[in-house]
């Protein structure tokens, strides 16, 4: 709404008096302040990411370093970048049975271009399919907060797990796997965290928390409920100081590579309107048996 003669609010929500129109300089200043960012500075012939000229970054800084720079504001150490890269590599793909991958492939057979296929897949990386790593980070950070209050590790975990039970939460994200008895990615990633902790690149605090949570939820069970890729990448992202939101974000970045690869492969293979299962297999129908539509209107109403 523009300024009016009766002193209404203008488009900026500022009370205006008759004749109180902003100057050209004020409008230009408002436009400049509309979006504010510490991330990038672009001027004619110049591009800088977090203050670093793009021409200096190109050829000197890797893609993983650039992810860190964009998200955290500074370039990582070599050890930080290596640990982040290991987590990204581990999360790239988990086969066409993963919903996000399957959706990307199905979308291409429906005629979606690569951006549509990738967007469709990424949109299902929500709380259940894409969120356990973020949720596990929240669990670890909750335990860490209890440690900061002076609790011992076992007591801190007991408090946090009981708090979740009291809230009706029975699922512990980051542990157990419906496909792998032992997730093959976990031991390798934990060994890299241990090596980084030994070198002083990270504290090792969250690796200790993760292992202790695994022990706590496995106590009294016939078999260990092992840490899975979400649990161990949560360890890494917490060790590196990422927020849970960024933890989910970088997982999506990693899985996008697998999504792109599968969408591209399916485009080469071709196929039209491929659903989640072959047409010959079909599905299980659980509704009413075949029946005739009642002819009499009263009978139809009586059965509704």
Protein backbone atom coordinates (compact mmCIF):
# COMPACT_ATOMS: atom_id res chain seq x y z
CA UNK A 1 0.00 0.00 0.00
CA UNK A 2 1.39 3.40 -0.92
CA UNK A 3 1.36 6.49 1.23
CA UNK A 4 -2.05 8.18 1.16
CA UNK A 5 -3.39 11.54 2.12
CA UNK A 6 -4.77 10.19 5.43
CA UNK A 7 -1.39 9.13 6.81
CA UNK A 8 -1.59 5.36 6.17
CA UNK A 9 1.28 2.88 6.26
CA UNK A 10 3.54 2.70 3.25
CA UNK A 11 4.95 -0.52 1.69
CA UNK A 12 7.62 -0.67 4.39
CA UNK A 13 5.05 -0.52 7.19
CA UNK A 14 6.16 3.00 8.14
CA UNK A 15 3.58 5.60 9.07
CA UNK A 16 3.58 8.35 6.49
CA UNK A 17 2.19 11.82 6.59
CA UNK A 18 0.71 13.57 3.58
CA UNK A 19 3.58 14.57 1.33
CA UNK A 20 6.07 12.44 3.33
CA UNK A 21 7.42 10.48 0.34
CA UNK A 22 10.87 8.83 0.61
CA UNK A 23 13.66 10.41 -1.32
CA UNK A 24 15.42 8.65 -4.17
CA UNK A 25 18.46 8.14 -1.94
CA UNK A 26 16.30 6.51 0.77
CA UNK A 27 14.73 4.16 -1.75
CA UNK A 28 18.15 3.11 -3.08
CA UNK A 29 19.39 2.55 0.49
CA UNK A 30 16.32 0.45 1.30
CA UNK A 31 16.85 -1.65 -1.82
CA UNK A 32 20.47 -2.27 -0.88
CA UNK A 33 19.46 -3.40 2.62
CA UNK A 34 16.60 -5.65 1.42
CA UNK A 35 18.89 -8.71 1.32
CA UNK A 36 21.90 -8.85 3.60
CA UNK A 37 24.51 -11.60 3.41
CA UNK A 38 27.96 -12.38 4.76
CA UNK A 39 28.34 -15.15 2.19
CA UNK A 40 29.04 -13.59 -1.18
CA UNK A 41 29.96 -10.21 -2.64
CA UNK A 42 29.37 -9.68 -6.34
CA UNK A 43 30.33 -6.57 -8.26
CA UNK A 44 30.97 -6.02 -11.96
CA UNK A 45 33.96 -8.22 -12.76
CA UNK A 46 34.33 -9.42 -9.15
CA UNK A 47 33.07 -12.41 -7.16
CA UNK A 48 34.16 -13.14 -3.59
CA UNK A 49 33.04 -16.00 -1.33
CA UNK A 50 33.36 -15.04 2.33
CA UNK A 51 35.88 -12.42 1.21
CA UNK A 52 38.03 -14.76 -0.88
CA UNK A 53 38.22 -13.84 -4.59
CA UNK A 54 36.75 -16.65 -6.65
CA UNK A 55 39.73 -16.72 -8.99
CA UNK A 56 41.99 -17.51 -6.02
CA UNK A 57 39.71 -20.27 -4.78
CA UNK A 58 39.46 -21.95 -8.18
CA UNK A 59 42.24 -24.48 -8.56
CA UNK A 60 43.50 -23.96 -5.01
CA UNK A 61 40.55 -24.98 -2.83
CA UNK A 62 38.61 -28.24 -3.10
CA UNK A 63 34.85 -28.59 -3.28
CA UNK A 64 34.58 -29.94 0.28
CA UNK A 65 36.65 -27.00 1.53
CA UNK A 66 34.25 -24.70 -0.31
CA UNK A 67 31.23 -26.35 1.33
CA UNK A 68 32.84 -25.68 4.71
CA UNK A 69 33.70 -22.10 3.74
CA UNK A 70 30.17 -21.34 2.60
CA UNK A 71 28.55 -22.89 5.68
CA UNK A 72 31.04 -21.93 8.38
CA UNK A 73 32.64 -18.73 7.13
CA UNK A 74 36.29 -19.84 7.11
CA UNK A 75 38.36 -22.43 5.29
CA UNK A 76 38.76 -25.73 7.16
CA UNK A 77 42.00 -27.34 8.20
CA UNK A 78 43.10 -30.33 6.11
CA UNK A 79 42.01 -32.68 8.89
CA UNK A 80 38.58 -31.07 9.18
CA UNK A 81 38.05 -31.22 5.42
CA UNK A 82 39.16 -34.86 5.28
CA UNK A 83 36.74 -35.89 8.03
CA UNK A 84 33.85 -34.00 6.44
CA UNK A 85 34.65 -35.59 3.08
CA UNK A 86 34.63 -39.07 4.58
CA UNK A 87 31.11 -38.51 5.94
CA UNK A 88 29.92 -37.16 2.60
CA UNK A 89 31.35 -40.13 0.69
CA UNK A 90 29.66 -42.58 3.09
CA UNK A 91 26.24 -41.01 2.48
CA UNK A 92 26.28 -40.78 -1.33
CA UNK A 93 24.04 -43.76 -2.12
CA UNK A 94 22.28 -46.77 -0.63
CA UNK A 95 20.74 -48.42 -3.66
CA UNK A 96 17.54 -48.09 -5.70
CA UNK A 97 15.48 -49.51 -2.85
CA UNK A 98 16.05 -46.25 -0.97
CA UNK A 99 12.92 -44.15 -1.55
CA UNK A 100 14.77 -41.03 -2.67
CA UNK A 101 16.77 -42.97 -5.27
CA UNK A 102 13.72 -44.92 -6.47
CA UNK A 103 11.74 -41.71 -6.83
CA UNK A 104 14.47 -40.13 -8.95
CA UNK A 105 14.48 -43.12 -11.29
CA UNK A 106 10.68 -43.30 -11.50
CA UNK A 107 10.47 -39.57 -12.19
CA UNK A 108 12.74 -39.84 -15.22
CA UNK A 109 10.58 -42.63 -16.68
CA UNK A 110 7.62 -40.27 -16.36
CA UNK A 111 9.44 -37.70 -18.48
CA UNK A 112 10.83 -35.47 -15.74
CA UNK A 113 14.09 -33.69 -16.63
CA UNK A 114 17.10 -34.05 -14.38
CA UNK A 115 16.17 -31.08 -12.18
CA UNK A 116 12.64 -32.42 -11.70
CA UNK A 117 13.91 -35.89 -10.87
CA UNK A 118 16.40 -34.52 -8.35
CA UNK A 119 13.87 -32.18 -6.77
CA UNK A 120 11.32 -34.99 -6.43
CA UNK A 121 13.91 -37.17 -4.71
CA UNK A 122 15.25 -34.49 -2.40
CA UNK A 123 11.75 -33.57 -1.28
CA UNK A 124 11.31 -36.96 0.41
CA UNK A 125 14.50 -36.60 2.47
CA UNK A 126 12.36 -35.51 5.38
CA UNK A 127 12.20 -36.56 9.04
CA UNK A 128 11.93 -40.31 8.44
CA UNK A 129 14.09 -40.95 5.36
CA UNK A 130 16.52 -38.05 5.65
CA UNK A 131 16.23 -36.85 9.22
CA UNK A 132 17.71 -39.53 11.56
CA UNK A 133 21.22 -38.09 11.30
CA UNK A 134 19.98 -34.67 12.39
CA UNK A 135 17.91 -36.28 15.15
CA UNK A 136 20.90 -38.30 16.34
CA UNK A 137 22.98 -35.12 16.51
CA UNK A 138 20.27 -33.62 18.73
CA UNK A 139 20.46 -36.71 20.97
CA UNK A 140 24.25 -36.47 21.27
CA UNK A 141 24.08 -32.74 21.99
CA UNK A 142 21.44 -33.36 24.64
CA UNK A 143 23.77 -35.85 26.34
CA UNK A 144 26.62 -33.37 25.98
CA UNK A 145 24.54 -30.69 27.71
CA UNK A 146 23.95 -33.06 30.64
CA UNK A 147 27.71 -33.66 30.84
CA UNK A 148 28.22 -29.91 31.01
CA UNK A 149 25.90 -29.90 34.03
CA UNK A 150 28.26 -32.26 35.84
CA UNK A 151 26.57 -35.59 35.11
CA UNK A 152 28.69 -38.67 34.48
CA UNK A 153 28.41 -40.15 30.99
CA UNK A 154 26.29 -43.17 31.92
CA UNK A 155 23.99 -41.04 34.06
CA UNK A 156 23.70 -38.39 31.35
CA UNK A 157 22.64 -40.99 28.79
CA UNK A 158 20.20 -42.56 31.24
CA UNK A 159 18.60 -39.17 31.89
CA UNK A 160 18.30 -38.31 28.20
CA UNK A 161 16.89 -41.70 27.20
CA UNK A 162 14.39 -41.65 30.07
CA UNK A 163 13.35 -38.12 29.11
CA UNK A 164 12.57 -39.40 25.63
CA UNK A 165 10.66 -42.40 26.93
CA UNK A 166 8.60 -40.13 29.15
CA UNK A 167 7.77 -38.09 26.04
CA UNK A 168 6.59 -41.26 24.29
CA UNK A 169 9.63 -41.56 22.03
CA UNK A 170 10.70 -45.17 21.53
CA UNK A 171 12.82 -44.86 18.39
CA UNK A 172 16.48 -44.02 18.89
CA UNK A 173 17.83 -42.52 15.64
CA UNK A 174 21.26 -43.54 14.41
CA UNK A 175 21.26 -47.13 15.67
CA UNK A 176 20.26 -50.44 14.13
CA UNK A 177 19.68 -51.11 10.45
CA UNK A 178 16.90 -52.95 8.65
CA UNK A 179 19.31 -54.25 6.01
CA UNK A 180 22.82 -54.48 7.51
CA UNK A 181 23.53 -56.54 10.67
CA UNK A 182 26.52 -54.20 10.96
CA UNK A 183 26.63 -51.12 8.77
CA UNK A 184 29.95 -51.45 6.90
CA UNK A 185 30.43 -47.70 6.92
CA UNK A 186 30.45 -47.35 10.70
CA UNK A 187 33.74 -49.01 11.75
CA UNK A 188 35.70 -47.21 9.05
CA UNK A 189 34.27 -43.79 9.89
CA UNK A 190 34.79 -44.31 13.63
CA UNK A 191 38.41 -45.26 12.98
CA UNK A 192 38.88 -41.98 11.11
CA UNK A 193 37.34 -40.03 13.99
CA UNK A 194 39.63 -41.83 16.44
CA UNK A 195 42.66 -40.97 14.30
CA UNK A 196 41.59 -37.33 14.05
CA UNK A 197 41.09 -37.20 17.83
CA UNK A 198 44.53 -38.73 18.40
CA UNK A 199 46.00 -35.99 16.21
CA UNK A 200 44.09 -33.29 18.09
CA UNK A 201 41.95 -32.31 15.09
CA UNK A 202 38.74 -33.10 17.01
CA UNK A 203 38.02 -33.78 20.66
CA UNK A 204 36.69 -37.34 20.36
CA UNK A 205 33.99 -36.36 22.85
CA UNK A 206 31.09 -37.27 20.57
CA UNK A 207 32.65 -40.55 19.48
CA UNK A 208 32.69 -41.45 23.16
CA UNK A 209 29.06 -40.36 23.54
CA UNK A 210 27.99 -42.33 20.47
CA UNK A 211 29.65 -45.52 21.64
CA UNK A 212 28.16 -45.10 25.11
CA UNK A 213 24.66 -44.63 23.68
CA UNK A 214 25.14 -47.81 21.64
CA UNK A 215 26.12 -49.68 24.81
CA UNK A 216 23.20 -48.24 26.79
CA UNK A 217 20.49 -49.14 24.28
CA UNK A 218 22.02 -52.61 23.76
CA UNK A 219 22.21 -53.47 27.46
CA UNK A 220 20.12 -56.53 28.24
CA UNK A 221 19.45 -57.24 24.56
CA UNK A 222 20.46 -60.56 22.97
CA UNK A 223 22.48 -58.67 20.36
CA UNK A 224 24.13 -55.27 20.12
CA UNK A 225 22.09 -52.57 18.40
CA UNK A 226 24.96 -51.14 16.37
CA UNK A 227 25.53 -47.57 15.32
CA UNK A 228 24.56 -47.03 11.69
CA UNK A 229 25.70 -44.47 9.13
CA UNK A 230 23.35 -41.82 10.55
CA UNK A 231 24.76 -42.36 14.03
CA UNK A 232 28.39 -42.23 12.96
CA UNK A 233 28.01 -39.25 10.62
CA UNK A 234 26.20 -37.54 13.50
CA UNK A 235 29.35 -38.17 15.55
CA UNK A 236 31.46 -36.57 12.82
CA UNK A 237 29.24 -33.54 12.32
CA UNK A 238 29.08 -32.92 16.08
CA UNK A 239 32.86 -33.31 16.35
CA UNK A 240 33.24 -30.75 13.56
CA UNK A 241 30.88 -28.29 15.22
CA UNK A 242 28.00 -28.41 12.75
CA UNK A 243 24.46 -27.69 13.92
CA UNK A 244 21.88 -30.46 13.53
CA UNK A 245 20.19 -28.50 10.73
CA UNK A 246 23.46 -28.29 8.81
CA UNK A 247 23.99 -31.99 9.51
CA UNK A 248 20.82 -32.81 7.61
CA UNK A 249 21.75 -30.32 4.91
CA UNK A 250 25.14 -31.83 4.18
CA UNK A 251 23.59 -35.30 4.14
CA UNK A 252 21.21 -34.05 1.45
CA UNK A 253 24.19 -32.64 -0.45
CA UNK A 254 25.88 -36.03 -0.35
CA UNK A 255 22.80 -38.05 -1.29
CA UNK A 256 22.17 -35.65 -4.19
CA UNK A 257 25.21 -37.16 -5.90
CA UNK A 258 23.64 -40.63 -5.80
CA UNK A 259 20.30 -39.20 -6.88
CA UNK A 260 21.92 -37.53 -9.89
CA UNK A 261 23.81 -40.71 -10.83
CA UNK A 262 20.67 -42.86 -10.70
CA UNK A 263 18.54 -40.34 -12.57
CA UNK A 264 21.19 -40.11 -15.27
CA UNK A 265 21.53 -43.89 -15.50
CA UNK A 266 17.77 -44.34 -15.82
CA UNK A 267 17.65 -41.74 -18.58
CA UNK A 268 20.21 -43.79 -20.51
CA UNK A 269 18.38 -47.07 -19.83
CA UNK A 270 15.06 -45.56 -20.87
CA UNK A 271 11.71 -47.03 -19.93
CA UNK A 272 8.30 -45.43 -19.59
CA UNK A 273 6.26 -44.95 -16.45
CA UNK A 274 8.10 -47.45 -14.28
CA UNK A 275 6.41 -47.74 -10.91
CA UNK A 276 7.86 -48.93 -7.59
CA UNK A 277 7.38 -52.63 -8.52
CA UNK A 278 7.10 -54.49 -11.85
CA UNK A 279 3.59 -54.65 -13.31
CA UNK A 280 3.69 -58.46 -13.17
CA UNK A 281 4.04 -58.38 -9.38
CA UNK A 282 1.31 -55.89 -8.69
CA UNK A 283 0.25 -55.16 -5.14
CA UNK A 284 -1.96 -56.47 -2.33
CA UNK A 285 -5.56 -55.29 -2.36
CA UNK A 286 -7.17 -55.21 1.08
CA UNK A 287 -10.54 -53.54 0.35
CA UNK A 288 -14.07 -54.97 0.00
CA UNK A 289 -14.78 -57.86 -2.35
CA UNK A 290 -16.25 -57.07 -5.77
CA UNK A 291 -19.89 -55.97 -5.40
CA UNK A 292 -22.68 -54.45 -7.44
CA UNK A 293 -23.88 -50.88 -7.08
CA UNK A 294 -27.38 -50.92 -5.47
CA UNK A 295 -30.14 -49.98 -7.90
CA UNK A 296 -32.58 -48.79 -5.26
CA UNK A 297 -31.71 -45.36 -3.86
CA UNK A 298 -33.09 -46.18 -0.41
CA UNK A 299 -30.91 -49.30 -0.22
CA UNK A 300 -27.86 -47.22 -1.18
CA UNK A 301 -28.59 -44.73 1.57
CA UNK A 302 -29.07 -47.48 4.13
CA UNK A 303 -25.61 -48.91 3.43
CA UNK A 304 -23.78 -45.59 3.53
